[in-house]
């Protein structure tokens, strides 16, 4: 059975709860997101809260880890 690789060097440090929380945020941040303008899945984060589409160049302000902060807060 293979173990899953730790994310960005967290290894066994910092405790399980913090690593799980970090994993959730990291996967939300790196997931493919749809551009509200052209509907392509090429929306990338430029800076904290600023998202830009790689195909059409559309720039939108949103949440730090997701385009819509309301969707990120739902559990």
C-alpha atoms as a PDB file:
ATOM      1  CA  UNK A   1       0.000   0.000   0.000  1.00  0.00           C
ATOM      2  CA  UNK A   2       1.467   3.334  -1.010  1.00  0.00           C
ATOM      3  CA  UNK A   3       1.310   6.342   1.206  1.00  0.00           C
ATOM      4  CA  UNK A   4       0.183   9.667  -0.130  1.00  0.00           C
ATOM      5  CA  UNK A   5       2.884  12.276  -0.434  1.00  0.00           C
ATOM      6  CA  UNK A   6       2.827  15.160   2.036  1.00  0.00           C
ATOM      7  CA  UNK A   7       2.149  18.618   0.693  1.00  0.00           C
ATOM      8  CA  UNK A   8       4.926  21.185   0.493  1.00  0.00           C
ATOM      9  CA  UNK A   9       7.165  19.764   3.192  1.00  0.00           C
ATOM     10  CA  UNK A  10       4.776  19.599   6.133  1.00  0.00           C
ATOM     11  CA  UNK A  11       5.810  15.989   6.778  1.00  0.00           C
ATOM     12  CA  UNK A  12       5.003  14.823  10.290  1.00  0.00           C
ATOM     13  CA  UNK A  13       5.366  18.280  11.803  1.00  0.00           C
ATOM     14  CA  UNK A  14       2.613  20.527  13.145  1.00  0.00           C
ATOM     15  CA  UNK A  15       0.032  17.844  13.973  1.00  0.00           C
ATOM     16  CA  UNK A  16      -2.660  16.099  11.986  1.00  0.00           C
ATOM     17  CA  UNK A  17      -5.399  18.706  12.352  1.00  0.00           C
ATOM     18  CA  UNK A  18      -3.272  21.504  10.950  1.00  0.00           C
ATOM     19  CA  UNK A  19      -2.020  19.327   8.088  1.00  0.00           C
ATOM     20  CA  UNK A  20      -5.595  18.359   7.152  1.00  0.00           C
ATOM     21  CA  UNK A  21      -6.694  21.991   7.204  1.00  0.00           C
ATOM     22  CA  UNK A  22      -3.699  22.983   5.064  1.00  0.00           C
ATOM     23  CA  UNK A  23      -4.433  20.164   2.616  1.00  0.00           C
ATOM     24  CA  UNK A  24      -8.031  21.340   2.210  1.00  0.00           C
ATOM     25  CA  UNK A  25      -6.971  24.955   1.543  1.00  0.00           C
ATOM     26  CA  UNK A  26      -4.171  23.891  -0.825  1.00  0.00           C
ATOM     27  CA  UNK A  27      -6.442  21.648  -2.889  1.00  0.00           C
ATOM     28  CA  UNK A  28      -9.098  24.395  -3.070  1.00  0.00           C
ATOM     29  CA  UNK A  29      -6.466  26.866  -4.247  1.00  0.00           C
ATOM     30  CA  UNK A  30      -5.008  24.584  -6.923  1.00  0.00           C
ATOM     31  CA  UNK A  31      -8.300  23.194  -8.263  1.00  0.00           C
ATOM     32  CA  UNK A  32      -9.307  24.184 -11.800  1.00  0.00           C
ATOM     33  CA  UNK A  33     -11.722  27.076 -11.804  1.00  0.00           C
ATOM     34  CA  UNK A  34     -14.124  28.304 -14.463  1.00  0.00           C
ATOM     35  CA  UNK A  35     -13.799  31.811 -15.898  1.00  0.00           C
ATOM     36  CA  UNK A  36     -17.026  33.809 -15.397  1.00  0.00           C
ATOM     37  CA  UNK A  37     -16.511  35.530 -18.751  1.00  0.00           C
ATOM     38  CA  UNK A  38     -15.534  32.830 -21.266  1.00  0.00           C
ATOM     39  CA  UNK A  39     -16.374  29.654 -19.260  1.00  0.00           C
ATOM     40  CA  UNK A  40     -12.920  28.147 -19.806  1.00  0.00           C
ATOM     41  CA  UNK A  41     -11.308  26.233 -16.937  1.00  0.00           C
ATOM     42  CA  UNK A  42      -8.189  28.426 -17.036  1.00  0.00           C
ATOM     43  CA  UNK A  43      -8.695  30.836 -14.129  1.00  0.00           C
ATOM     44  CA  UNK A  44      -5.530  31.217 -12.039  1.00  0.00           C
ATOM     45  CA  UNK A  45      -4.704  33.241  -8.932  1.00  0.00           C
ATOM     46  CA  UNK A  46      -2.345  36.163  -9.634  1.00  0.00           C
ATOM     47  CA  UNK A  47      -2.204  37.480  -6.055  1.00  0.00           C
ATOM     48  CA  UNK A  48      -4.256  37.090  -2.916  1.00  0.00           C
ATOM     49  CA  UNK A  49      -7.856  37.727  -4.014  1.00  0.00           C
ATOM     50  CA  UNK A  50      -7.024  38.531  -7.666  1.00  0.00           C
ATOM     51  CA  UNK A  51      -7.883  35.946 -10.313  1.00  0.00           C
ATOM     52  CA  UNK A  52      -7.064  36.120 -14.041  1.00  0.00           C
ATOM     53  CA  UNK A  53      -8.147  33.983 -16.971  1.00  0.00           C
ATOM     54  CA  UNK A  54      -5.248  32.668 -19.054  1.00  0.00           C
ATOM     55  CA  UNK A  55      -7.270  32.486 -22.279  1.00  0.00           C
ATOM     56  CA  UNK A  56      -9.312  35.717 -22.402  1.00  0.00           C
ATOM     57  CA  UNK A  57      -7.396  37.889 -19.907  1.00  0.00           C
ATOM     58  CA  UNK A  58     -10.466  38.612 -17.752  1.00  0.00           C
ATOM     59  CA  UNK A  59      -9.492  39.742 -14.237  1.00  0.00           C
ATOM     60  CA  UNK A  60     -11.813  39.385 -11.248  1.00  0.00           C
ATOM     61  CA  UNK A  61     -11.515  40.058  -7.526  1.00  0.00           C
ATOM     62  CA  UNK A  62     -12.583  37.220  -5.281  1.00  0.00           C
ATOM     63  CA  UNK A  63     -11.569  35.333  -2.179  1.00  0.00           C
ATOM     64  CA  UNK A  64      -8.014  34.511  -1.209  1.00  0.00           C
ATOM     65  CA  UNK A  65      -8.286  30.774  -1.906  1.00  0.00           C
ATOM     66  CA  UNK A  66     -11.358  30.576  -4.137  1.00  0.00           C
ATOM     67  CA  UNK A  67     -13.002  32.907  -6.621  1.00  0.00           C
ATOM     68  CA  UNK A  68     -16.223  33.133  -4.628  1.00  0.00           C
ATOM     69  CA  UNK A  69     -15.579  33.369  -0.875  1.00  0.00           C
ATOM     70  CA  UNK A  70     -19.148  32.307  -0.060  1.00  0.00           C
ATOM     71  CA  UNK A  71     -18.588  28.931  -1.728  1.00  0.00           C
ATOM     72  CA  UNK A  72     -15.345  28.445   0.197  1.00  0.00           C
ATOM     73  CA  UNK A  73     -17.042  29.019   3.565  1.00  0.00           C
ATOM     74  CA  UNK A  74     -19.683  26.324   3.037  1.00  0.00           C
ATOM     75  CA  UNK A  75     -18.760  23.109   4.859  1.00  0.00           C
END
